[in-house]
PDB file of all heavy atoms in Angstrom:
ATOM      1  N   PHE A   1       0.800  -1.188  -0.015  1.00  0.00           N
ATOM      2  CA  PHE A   1       0.035   0.026  -0.012  1.00  0.00           C
ATOM      3  C   PHE A   1       0.869   1.225  -0.015  1.00  0.00           C
ATOM      4  O   PHE A   1       0.533   2.223  -0.684  1.00  0.00           O
ATOM      5  CB  PHE A   1      -0.944  -0.044   1.210  1.00  0.00           C
ATOM      6  CG  PHE A   1      -1.933   1.074   1.220  1.00  0.00           C
ATOM      7  CD1 PHE A   1      -2.843   1.228   0.161  1.00  0.00           C
ATOM      8  CD2 PHE A   1      -1.962   2.076   2.197  1.00  0.00           C
ATOM      9  CE1 PHE A   1      -3.807   2.273   0.157  1.00  0.00           C
ATOM     10  CE2 PHE A   1      -2.891   3.065   2.240  1.00  0.00           C
ATOM     11  CZ  PHE A   1      -3.811   3.178   1.144  1.00  0.00           C
ATOM     12  N   ASP A   2       1.971   1.215   0.762  1.00  0.00           N
ATOM     13  CA  ASP A   2       2.862   2.410   0.798  1.00  0.00           C
ATOM     14  C   ASP A   2       3.478   2.670  -0.602  1.00  0.00           C
ATOM     15  O   ASP A   2       3.958   3.773  -0.859  1.00  0.00           O
ATOM     16  CB  ASP A   2       4.008   2.185   1.822  1.00  0.00           C
ATOM     17  CG  ASP A   2       3.454   2.368   3.262  1.00  0.00           C
ATOM     18  OD1 ASP A   2       2.362   2.902   3.416  1.00  0.00           O
ATOM     19  OD2 ASP A   2       4.146   1.922   4.201  1.00  0.00           O
ATOM     20  N   LYS A   3       3.499   1.594  -1.435  1.00  0.00           N
ATOM     21  CA  LYS A   3       4.119   1.760  -2.781  1.00  0.00           C
ATOM     22  C   LYS A   3       3.037   2.017  -3.882  1.00  0.00           C
ATOM     23  O   LYS A   3       3.330   1.989  -5.035  1.00  0.00           O
ATOM     24  CB  LYS A   3       4.893   0.531  -3.138  1.00  0.00           C
ATOM     25  CG  LYS A   3       6.167   0.332  -2.253  1.00  0.00           C
ATOM     26  CD  LYS A   3       7.076   1.495  -2.432  1.00  0.00           C
ATOM     27  CE  LYS A   3       8.363   1.349  -1.593  1.00  0.00           C
ATOM     28  NZ  LYS A   3       9.332   2.423  -1.649  1.00  0.00           N
ATOM     29  N   GLY A   4       1.757   2.284  -3.384  1.00  0.00           N
ATOM     30  CA  GLY A   4       0.740   2.605  -4.371  1.00  0.00           C
ATOM     31  C   GLY A   4      -0.102   1.468  -4.858  1.00  0.00           C
ATOM     32  O   GLY A   4      -0.966   1.673  -5.635  1.00  0.00           O
ATOM     33  N   VAL A   5       0.075   0.283  -4.257  1.00  0.00           N
ATOM     34  CA  VAL A   5      -0.812  -0.872  -4.583  1.00  0.00           C
ATOM     35  C   VAL A   5      -2.071  -0.672  -3.815  1.00  0.00           C
ATOM     36  O   VAL A   5      -2.172  -0.942  -2.598  1.00  0.00           O
ATOM     37  CB  VAL A   5      -0.158  -2.227  -4.217  1.00  0.00           C
ATOM     38  CG1 VAL A   5      -1.085  -3.364  -4.498  1.00  0.00           C
ATOM     39  CG2 VAL A   5       1.223  -2.392  -5.007  1.00  0.00           C
ATOM     40  N   THR A   6      -3.104  -0.333  -4.448  1.00  0.00           N
ATOM     41  CA  THR A   6      -4.427  -0.013  -3.816  1.00  0.00           C
ATOM     42  C   THR A   6      -5.439  -1.069  -3.973  1.00  0.00           C
ATOM     43  O   THR A   6      -6.506  -1.053  -3.370  1.00  0.00           O
ATOM     44  CB  THR A   6      -5.011   1.284  -4.425  1.00  0.00           C
ATOM     45  OG1 THR A   6      -5.074   1.052  -5.890  1.00  0.00           O
ATOM     46  CG2 THR A   6      -4.131   2.472  -4.163  1.00  0.00           C
ATOM     47  N   HIS A   7      -5.103  -2.139  -4.763  1.00  0.00           N
ATOM     48  CA  HIS A   7      -6.042  -3.221  -5.033  1.00  0.00           C
ATOM     49  C   HIS A   7      -5.596  -4.496  -4.370  1.00  0.00           C
ATOM     50  O   HIS A   7      -4.503  -5.044  -4.632  1.00  0.00           O
ATOM     51  CB  HIS A   7      -6.200  -3.380  -6.535  1.00  0.00           C
ATOM     52  CG  HIS A   7      -7.240  -4.559  -6.907  1.00  0.00           C
ATOM     53  ND1 HIS A   7      -7.095  -5.212  -8.130  1.00  0.00           N
ATOM     54  CD2 HIS A   7      -8.218  -5.055  -6.174  1.00  0.00           C
ATOM     55  CE1 HIS A   7      -8.077  -6.141  -8.152  1.00  0.00           C
ATOM     56  NE2 HIS A   7      -8.757  -6.080  -7.083  1.00  0.00           N
ATOM     57  N   PHE A   8      -6.481  -5.051  -3.519  1.00  0.00           N
ATOM     58  CA  PHE A   8      -6.178  -6.359  -2.814  1.00  0.00           C
ATOM     59  C   PHE A   8      -7.332  -7.337  -3.184  1.00  0.00           C
ATOM     60  O   PHE A   8      -8.514  -7.080  -3.056  1.00  0.00           O
ATOM     61  CB  PHE A   8      -6.173  -6.100  -1.346  1.00  0.00           C
ATOM     62  CG  PHE A   8      -5.121  -5.177  -0.873  1.00  0.00           C
ATOM     63  CD1 PHE A   8      -5.375  -3.811  -0.700  1.00  0.00           C
ATOM     64  CD2 PHE A   8      -3.768  -5.585  -0.787  1.00  0.00           C
ATOM     65  CE1 PHE A   8      -4.406  -2.954  -0.360  1.00  0.00           C
ATOM     66  CE2 PHE A   8      -2.772  -4.727  -0.363  1.00  0.00           C
ATOM     67  CZ  PHE A   8      -3.123  -3.339  -0.193  1.00  0.00           C
ATOM     68  N   ASP A   9      -6.939  -8.499  -3.755  1.00  0.00           N
ATOM     69  CA  ASP A   9      -7.848  -9.424  -4.357  1.00  0.00           C
ATOM     70  C   ASP A   9      -7.891 -10.669  -3.534  1.00  0.00           C
ATOM     71  O   ASP A   9      -6.888 -11.293  -3.281  1.00  0.00           O
ATOM     72  CB  ASP A   9      -7.409  -9.773  -5.813  1.00  0.00           C
ATOM     73  CG  ASP A   9      -8.380 -10.656  -6.503  1.00  0.00           C
ATOM     74  OD1 ASP A   9      -9.492 -10.265  -6.947  1.00  0.00           O
ATOM     75  OD2 ASP A   9      -8.009 -11.894  -6.623  1.00  0.00           O
ATOM     76  N   LEU A  10      -9.118 -11.152  -3.230  1.00  0.00           N
ATOM     77  CA  LEU A  10      -9.345 -12.299  -2.431  1.00  0.00           C
ATOM     78  C   LEU A  10     -10.412 -13.098  -3.058  1.00  0.00           C
ATOM     79  O   LEU A  10     -11.013 -12.803  -4.074  1.00  0.00           O
ATOM     80  CB  LEU A  10      -9.652 -11.968  -0.961  1.00  0.00           C
ATOM     81  CG  LEU A  10      -8.645 -11.163  -0.168  1.00  0.00           C
ATOM     82  CD1 LEU A  10      -9.080  -9.654  -0.132  1.00  0.00           C
ATOM     83  CD2 LEU A  10      -8.432 -11.760   1.191  1.00  0.00           C
ATOM     84  N   ALA A  11     -10.728 -14.291  -2.402  1.00  0.00           N
ATOM     85  CA  ALA A  11     -11.880 -15.128  -2.799  1.00  0.00           C
ATOM     86  C   ALA A  11     -12.320 -15.837  -1.483  1.00  0.00           C
ATOM     87  O   ALA A  11     -11.478 -16.024  -0.596  1.00  0.00           O
ATOM     88  CB  ALA A  11     -11.544 -16.108  -3.887  1.00  0.00           C
ATOM     89  N   ASN A  12     -13.585 -16.379  -1.463  1.00  0.00           N
ATOM     90  CA  ASN A  12     -14.019 -17.047  -0.346  1.00  0.00           C
ATOM     91  C   ASN A  12     -13.168 -18.225   0.067  1.00  0.00           C
ATOM     92  O   ASN A  12     -12.907 -18.565   1.335  1.00  0.00           O
ATOM     93  CB  ASN A  12     -15.445 -17.561  -0.608  1.00  0.00           C
ATOM     94  CG  ASN A  12     -15.574 -18.430  -1.779  1.00  0.00           C
ATOM     95  OD1 ASN A  12     -14.718 -18.681  -2.493  1.00  0.00           O
ATOM     96  ND2 ASN A  12     -16.836 -18.941  -1.964  1.00  0.00           N
ATOM     97  N   ASN A  13     -12.623 -18.980  -0.903  1.00  0.00           N
ATOM     98  CA  ASN A  13     -11.849 -20.156  -0.575  1.00  0.00           C
ATOM     99  C   ASN A  13     -10.364 -20.049  -0.474  1.00  0.00           C
ATOM    100  O   ASN A  13      -9.611 -20.959  -0.302  1.00  0.00           O
ATOM    101  CB  ASN A  13     -12.096 -21.247  -1.651  1.00  0.00           C
ATOM    102  CG  ASN A  13     -11.619 -20.838  -3.027  1.00  0.00           C
ATOM    103  OD1 ASN A  13     -11.530 -19.632  -3.382  1.00  0.00           O
ATOM    104  ND2 ASN A  13     -11.355 -21.862  -3.962  1.00  0.00           N
ATOM    105  N   TYR A  14      -9.856 -18.798  -0.518  1.00  0.00           N
ATOM    106  CA  TYR A  14      -8.391 -18.541  -0.326  1.00  0.00           C
ATOM    107  C   TYR A  14      -7.982 -18.831   1.035  1.00  0.00           C
ATOM    108  O   TYR A  14      -8.602 -18.545   2.038  1.00  0.00           O
ATOM    109  CB  TYR A  14      -8.077 -17.135  -0.708  1.00  0.00           C
ATOM    110  CG  TYR A  14      -8.119 -16.811  -2.203  1.00  0.00           C
ATOM    111  CD1 TYR A  14      -8.540 -17.759  -3.110  1.00  0.00           C
ATOM    112  CD2 TYR A  14      -7.801 -15.540  -2.708  1.00  0.00           C
ATOM    113  CE1 TYR A  14      -8.493 -17.491  -4.485  1.00  0.00           C
ATOM    114  CE2 TYR A  14      -7.838 -15.262  -4.061  1.00  0.00           C
ATOM    115  CZ  TYR A  14      -8.190 -16.163  -4.946  1.00  0.00           C
ATOM    116  OH  TYR A  14      -8.279 -15.962  -6.307  1.00  0.00           O
ATOM    117  N   GLY A  15      -6.842 -19.558   1.125  1.00  0.00           N
ATOM    118  CA  GLY A  15      -6.241 -19.880   2.427  1.00  0.00           C
ATOM    119  C   GLY A  15      -4.853 -20.453   2.183  1.00  0.00           C
ATOM    120  O   GLY A  15      -4.017 -19.767   1.548  1.00  0.00           O
ATOM    121  N   PRO A  16      -4.602 -21.696   2.509  1.00  0.00           N
ATOM    122  CA  PRO A  16      -5.606 -22.597   3.210  1.00  0.00           C
ATOM    123  C   PRO A  16      -5.561 -22.338   4.754  1.00  0.00           C
ATOM    124  O   PRO A  16      -4.625 -21.783   5.208  1.00  0.00           O
ATOM    125  CB  PRO A  16      -4.952 -23.962   2.916  1.00  0.00           C
ATOM    126  CG  PRO A  16      -3.447 -23.773   2.807  1.00  0.00           C
ATOM    127  CD  PRO A  16      -3.446 -22.339   2.185  1.00  0.00           C
ATOM    128  N   PRO A  17      -6.699 -22.805   5.440  1.00  0.00           N
ATOM    129  CA  PRO A  17      -7.893 -23.440   4.946  1.00  0.00           C
ATOM    130  C   PRO A  17      -8.813 -22.334   4.292  1.00  0.00           C
ATOM    131  O   PRO A  17      -8.518 -21.156   4.430  1.00  0.00           O
ATOM    132  CB  PRO A  17      -8.548 -24.059   6.101  1.00  0.00           C
ATOM    133  CG  PRO A  17      -8.102 -23.118   7.225  1.00  0.00           C
ATOM    134  CD  PRO A  17      -6.724 -22.732   6.941  1.00  0.00           C
ATOM    135  N   PRO A  18      -9.831 -22.798   3.569  1.00  0.00           N
ATOM    136  CA  PRO A  18     -10.717 -21.761   2.907  1.00  0.00           C
ATOM    137  C   PRO A  18     -11.297 -20.830   3.948  1.00  0.00           C
ATOM    138  O   PRO A  18     -11.613 -21.135   5.030  1.00  0.00           O
ATOM    139  CB  PRO A  18     -11.918 -22.715   2.338  1.00  0.00           C
ATOM    140  CG  PRO A  18     -11.226 -24.015   2.119  1.00  0.00           C
ATOM    141  CD  PRO A  18     -10.219 -24.183   3.241  1.00  0.00           C
ATOM    142  N   GLY A  19     -11.256 -19.515   3.571  1.00  0.00           N
ATOM    143  CA  GLY A  19     -11.732 -18.431   4.363  1.00  0.00           C
ATOM    144  C   GLY A  19     -10.597 -17.812   5.151  1.00  0.00           C
ATOM    145  O   GLY A  19     -10.779 -16.694   5.637  1.00  0.00           O
ATOM    146  N   ALA A  20      -9.436 -18.472   5.295  1.00  0.00           N
ATOM    147  CA  ALA A  20      -8.380 -17.936   6.168  1.00  0.00           C
ATOM    148  C   ALA A  20      -7.832 -16.620   5.709  1.00  0.00           C
ATOM    149  O   ALA A  20      -7.495 -15.761   6.518  1.00  0.00           O
ATOM    150  CB  ALA A  20      -7.315 -18.991   6.434  1.00  0.00           C
ATOM    151  N   ALA A  21      -7.638 -16.503   4.347  1.00  0.00           N
ATOM    152  CA  ALA A  21      -7.075 -15.262   3.784  1.00  0.00           C
ATOM    153  C   ALA A  21      -7.994 -14.084   4.076  1.00  0.00           C
ATOM    154  O   ALA A  21      -7.560 -12.997   4.416  1.00  0.00           O
ATOM    155  CB  ALA A  21      -6.843 -15.429   2.322  1.00  0.00           C
ATOM    156  N   GLU A  22      -9.293 -14.236   3.912  1.00  0.00           N
ATOM    157  CA  GLU A  22     -10.214 -13.210   4.197  1.00  0.00           C
ATOM    158  C   GLU A  22     -10.228 -12.847   5.668  1.00  0.00           C
ATOM    159  O   GLU A  22     -10.252 -11.690   6.072  1.00  0.00           O
ATOM    160  CB  GLU A  22     -11.625 -13.570   3.737  1.00  0.00           C
ATOM    161  CG  GLU A  22     -11.808 -13.652   2.251  1.00  0.00           C
ATOM    162  CD  GLU A  22     -13.210 -13.909   1.810  1.00  0.00           C
ATOM    163  OE1 GLU A  22     -13.940 -14.663   2.527  1.00  0.00           O
ATOM    164  OE2 GLU A  22     -13.605 -13.495   0.670  1.00  0.00           O
ATOM    165  N   GLU A  23     -10.087 -13.790   6.456  1.00  0.00           N
ATOM    166  CA  GLU A  23     -10.097 -13.527   7.992  1.00  0.00           C
ATOM    167  C   GLU A  23      -8.824 -12.705   8.302  1.00  0.00           C
ATOM    168  O   GLU A  23      -8.875 -11.761   9.109  1.00  0.00           O
ATOM    169  CB  GLU A  23     -10.066 -14.880   8.726  1.00  0.00           C
ATOM    170  CG  GLU A  23     -11.456 -15.601   8.717  1.00  0.00           C
ATOM    171  CD  GLU A  23     -11.351 -16.924   9.318  1.00  0.00           C
ATOM    172  OE1 GLU A  23     -10.232 -17.366   9.740  1.00  0.00           O
ATOM    173  OE2 GLU A  23     -12.429 -17.570   9.493  1.00  0.00           O
ATOM    174  N   LEU A  24      -7.653 -13.174   7.785  1.00  0.00           N
ATOM    175  CA  LEU A  24      -6.453 -12.452   7.978  1.00  0.00           C
ATOM    176  C   LEU A  24      -6.471 -11.044   7.483  1.00  0.00           C
ATOM    177  O   LEU A  24      -6.084 -10.078   8.116  1.00  0.00           O
ATOM    178  CB  LEU A  24      -5.244 -13.199   7.441  1.00  0.00           C
ATOM    179  CG  LEU A  24      -3.896 -12.597   7.611  1.00  0.00           C
ATOM    180  CD1 LEU A  24      -3.536 -12.390   9.168  1.00  0.00           C
ATOM    181  CD2 LEU A  24      -2.803 -13.502   7.024  1.00  0.00           C
ATOM    182  N   PHE A  25      -7.006 -10.825   6.240  1.00  0.00           N
ATOM    183  CA  PHE A  25      -7.044  -9.541   5.672  1.00  0.00           C
ATOM    184  C   PHE A  25      -8.077  -8.734   6.556  1.00  0.00           C
ATOM    185  O   PHE A  25      -7.857  -7.506   6.751  1.00  0.00           O
ATOM    186  CB  PHE A  25      -7.592  -9.541   4.225  1.00  0.00           C
ATOM    187  CG  PHE A  25      -7.583  -8.182   3.563  1.00  0.00           C
ATOM    188  CD1 PHE A  25      -6.333  -7.671   3.096  1.00  0.00           C
ATOM    189  CD2 PHE A  25      -8.713  -7.443   3.477  1.00  0.00           C
ATOM    190  CE1 PHE A  25      -6.276  -6.430   2.503  1.00  0.00           C
ATOM    191  CE2 PHE A  25      -8.708  -6.181   2.891  1.00  0.00           C
ATOM    192  CZ  PHE A  25      -7.512  -5.697   2.403  1.00  0.00           C
ATOM    193  N   GLY A  26      -9.137  -9.303   7.131  1.00  0.00           N
ATOM    194  CA  GLY A  26     -10.042  -8.579   7.938  1.00  0.00           C
ATOM    195  C   GLY A  26      -9.304  -8.054   9.224  1.00  0.00           C
ATOM    196  O   GLY A  26      -9.671  -7.048   9.723  1.00  0.00           O
ATOM    197  N   ASP A  27      -8.422  -8.889   9.701  1.00  0.00           N
ATOM    198  CA  ASP A  27      -7.681  -8.470  10.862  1.00  0.00           C
ATOM    199  C   ASP A  27      -6.849  -7.229  10.508  1.00  0.00           C
ATOM    200  O   ASP A  27      -6.833  -6.212  11.297  1.00  0.00           O
ATOM    201  CB  ASP A  27      -6.753  -9.538  11.391  1.00  0.00           C
ATOM    202  CG  ASP A  27      -7.523 -10.672  12.071  1.00  0.00           C
ATOM    203  OD1 ASP A  27      -8.726 -10.445  12.470  1.00  0.00           O
ATOM    204  OD2 ASP A  27      -6.961 -11.722  12.230  1.00  0.00           O
ATOM    205  N   VAL A  28      -6.196  -7.196   9.400  1.00  0.00           N
ATOM    206  CA  VAL A  28      -5.340  -6.085   9.010  1.00  0.00           C
ATOM    207  C   VAL A  28      -6.278  -4.887   8.753  1.00  0.00           C
ATOM    208  O   VAL A  28      -5.879  -3.764   9.146  1.00  0.00           O
ATOM    209  CB  VAL A  28      -4.542  -6.406   7.706  1.00  0.00           C
ATOM    210  CG1 VAL A  28      -3.835  -5.254   7.240  1.00  0.00           C
ATOM    211  CG2 VAL A  28      -3.571  -7.603   8.034  1.00  0.00           C
ATOM    212  N   MET A  29      -7.440  -5.054   8.177  1.00  0.00           N
ATOM    213  CA  MET A  29      -8.312  -3.943   7.904  1.00  0.00           C
ATOM    214  C   MET A  29      -8.740  -3.362   9.241  1.00  0.00           C
ATOM    215  O   MET A  29      -8.781  -2.139   9.383  1.00  0.00           O
ATOM    216  CB  MET A  29      -9.524  -4.490   7.155  1.00  0.00           C
ATOM    217  CG  MET A  29     -10.628  -3.453   6.943  1.00  0.00           C
ATOM    218  SD  MET A  29     -10.069  -2.026   5.998  1.00  0.00           S
ATOM    219  CE  MET A  29      -9.571  -2.711   4.496  1.00  0.00           C
ATOM    220  N   ALA A  30      -9.131  -4.157  10.245  1.00  0.00           N
ATOM    221  CA  ALA A  30      -9.626  -3.689  11.454  1.00  0.00           C
ATOM    222  C   ALA A  30      -8.533  -2.955  12.303  1.00  0.00           C
ATOM    223  O   ALA A  30      -8.782  -1.945  12.955  1.00  0.00           O
ATOM    224  CB  ALA A  30     -10.178  -4.822  12.328  1.00  0.00           C
ATOM    225  N   ARG A  31      -7.313  -3.503  12.302  1.00  0.00           N
ATOM    226  CA  ARG A  31      -6.286  -3.024  13.089  1.00  0.00           C
ATOM    227  C   ARG A  31      -5.478  -1.879  12.545  1.00  0.00           C
ATOM    228  O   ARG A  31      -4.945  -0.963  13.271  1.00  0.00           O
ATOM    229  CB  ARG A  31      -5.350  -4.081  13.560  1.00  0.00           C
ATOM    230  CG  ARG A  31      -6.027  -5.231  14.421  1.00  0.00           C
ATOM    231  CD  ARG A  31      -5.263  -6.504  14.641  1.00  0.00           C
ATOM    232  NE  ARG A  31      -3.882  -6.305  15.182  1.00  0.00           N
ATOM    233  CZ  ARG A  31      -3.041  -7.223  15.473  1.00  0.00           C
ATOM    234  NH1 ARG A  31      -3.495  -8.489  15.270  1.00  0.00           N
ATOM    235  NH2 ARG A  31      -1.893  -7.073  15.956  1.00  0.00           N
ATOM    236  N   ASP A  32      -5.316  -1.885  11.204  1.00  0.00           N
ATOM    237  CA  ASP A  32      -4.397  -0.928  10.516  1.00  0.00           C
ATOM    238  C   ASP A  32      -4.937  -0.147   9.289  1.00  0.00           C
ATOM    239  O   ASP A  32      -4.657   0.906   9.126  1.00  0.00           O
ATOM    240  CB  ASP A  32      -3.100  -1.667  10.162  1.00  0.00           C
ATOM    241  CG  ASP A  32      -2.416  -2.272  11.334  1.00  0.00           C
ATOM    242  OD1 ASP A  32      -1.830  -1.515  12.077  1.00  0.00           O
ATOM    243  OD2 ASP A  32      -2.405  -3.504  11.533  1.00  0.00           O
ATOM    244  N   PHE A  33      -5.716  -0.875   8.552  1.00  0.00           N
ATOM    245  CA  PHE A  33      -6.102  -0.246   7.243  1.00  0.00           C
ATOM    246  C   PHE A  33      -7.439   0.505   7.252  1.00  0.00           C
ATOM    247  O   PHE A  33      -7.765   1.186   6.260  1.00  0.00           O
ATOM    248  CB  PHE A  33      -6.274  -1.398   6.148  1.00  0.00           C
ATOM    249  CG  PHE A  33      -4.943  -1.786   5.491  1.00  0.00           C
ATOM    250  CD1 PHE A  33      -3.806  -1.147   5.879  1.00  0.00           C
ATOM    251  CD2 PHE A  33      -4.921  -2.815   4.570  1.00  0.00           C
ATOM    252  CE1 PHE A  33      -2.583  -1.511   5.274  1.00  0.00           C
ATOM    253  CE2 PHE A  33      -3.741  -3.121   3.945  1.00  0.00           C
ATOM    254  CZ  PHE A  33      -2.535  -2.520   4.256  1.00  0.00           C
ATOM    255  N   ARG A  34      -8.226   0.440   8.326  1.00  0.00           N
ATOM    256  CA  ARG A  34      -9.548   0.969   8.383  1.00  0.00           C
ATOM    257  C   ARG A  34      -9.499   2.470   7.985  1.00  0.00           C
ATOM    258  O   ARG A  34     -10.497   2.863   7.164  1.00  0.00           O
ATOM    259  CB  ARG A  34     -10.079   0.858   9.743  1.00  0.00           C
ATOM    260  CG  ARG A  34     -11.561   1.449   9.925  1.00  0.00           C
ATOM    261  CD  ARG A  34     -12.574   0.624   9.038  1.00  0.00           C
ATOM    262  NE  ARG A  34     -12.570  -0.811   9.602  1.00  0.00           N
ATOM    263  CZ  ARG A  34     -13.243  -1.760   9.011  1.00  0.00           C
ATOM    264  NH1 ARG A  34     -13.920  -1.568   7.891  1.00  0.00           N
ATOM    265  NH2 ARG A  34     -13.249  -3.044   9.468  1.00  0.00           N
ATOM    266  N   PRO A  35      -8.592   3.348   8.357  1.00  0.00           N
ATOM    267  CA  PRO A  35      -8.662   4.719   8.013  1.00  0.00           C
ATOM    268  C   PRO A  35      -8.466   4.902   6.441  1.00  0.00           C
ATOM    269  O   PRO A  35      -8.784   5.963   5.905  1.00  0.00           O
ATOM    270  CB  PRO A  35      -7.514   5.313   8.751  1.00  0.00           C
ATOM    271  CG  PRO A  35      -7.256   4.381   9.897  1.00  0.00           C
ATOM    272  CD  PRO A  35      -7.494   3.112   9.341  1.00  0.00           C
ATOM    273  N   TYR A  36      -7.967   3.857   5.730  1.00  0.00           N
ATOM    274  CA  TYR A  36      -7.701   4.046   4.364  1.00  0.00           C
ATOM    275  C   TYR A  36      -8.626   3.263   3.481  1.00  0.00           C
ATOM    276  O   TYR A  36      -8.402   3.048   2.307  1.00  0.00           O
ATOM    277  CB  TYR A  36      -6.255   3.592   4.096  1.00  0.00           C
ATOM    278  CG  TYR A  36      -5.232   4.275   4.945  1.00  0.00           C
ATOM    279  CD1 TYR A  36      -4.779   3.683   6.175  1.00  0.00           C
ATOM    280  CD2 TYR A  36      -4.805   5.579   4.704  1.00  0.00           C
ATOM    281  CE1 TYR A  36      -3.826   4.307   6.987  1.00  0.00           C
ATOM    282  CE2 TYR A  36      -3.972   6.266   5.546  1.00  0.00           C
ATOM    283  CZ  TYR A  36      -3.447   5.633   6.686  1.00  0.00           C
ATOM    284  OH  TYR A  36      -2.609   6.287   7.492  1.00  0.00           O
TER     285      TYR A  36
END
C-alpha cells in the first residue's frame, strides 16, 4: 500500500484453509487499514 498498490484481491476459498485469507485480511483492515 505504501508503494501505491491499492487493489487487494481475495476469494471465499483462499487460504488454506478456505476463508483464512479473508479472515487475516479482515484483521489487518480492523487494526491498521480502516482509515484508508
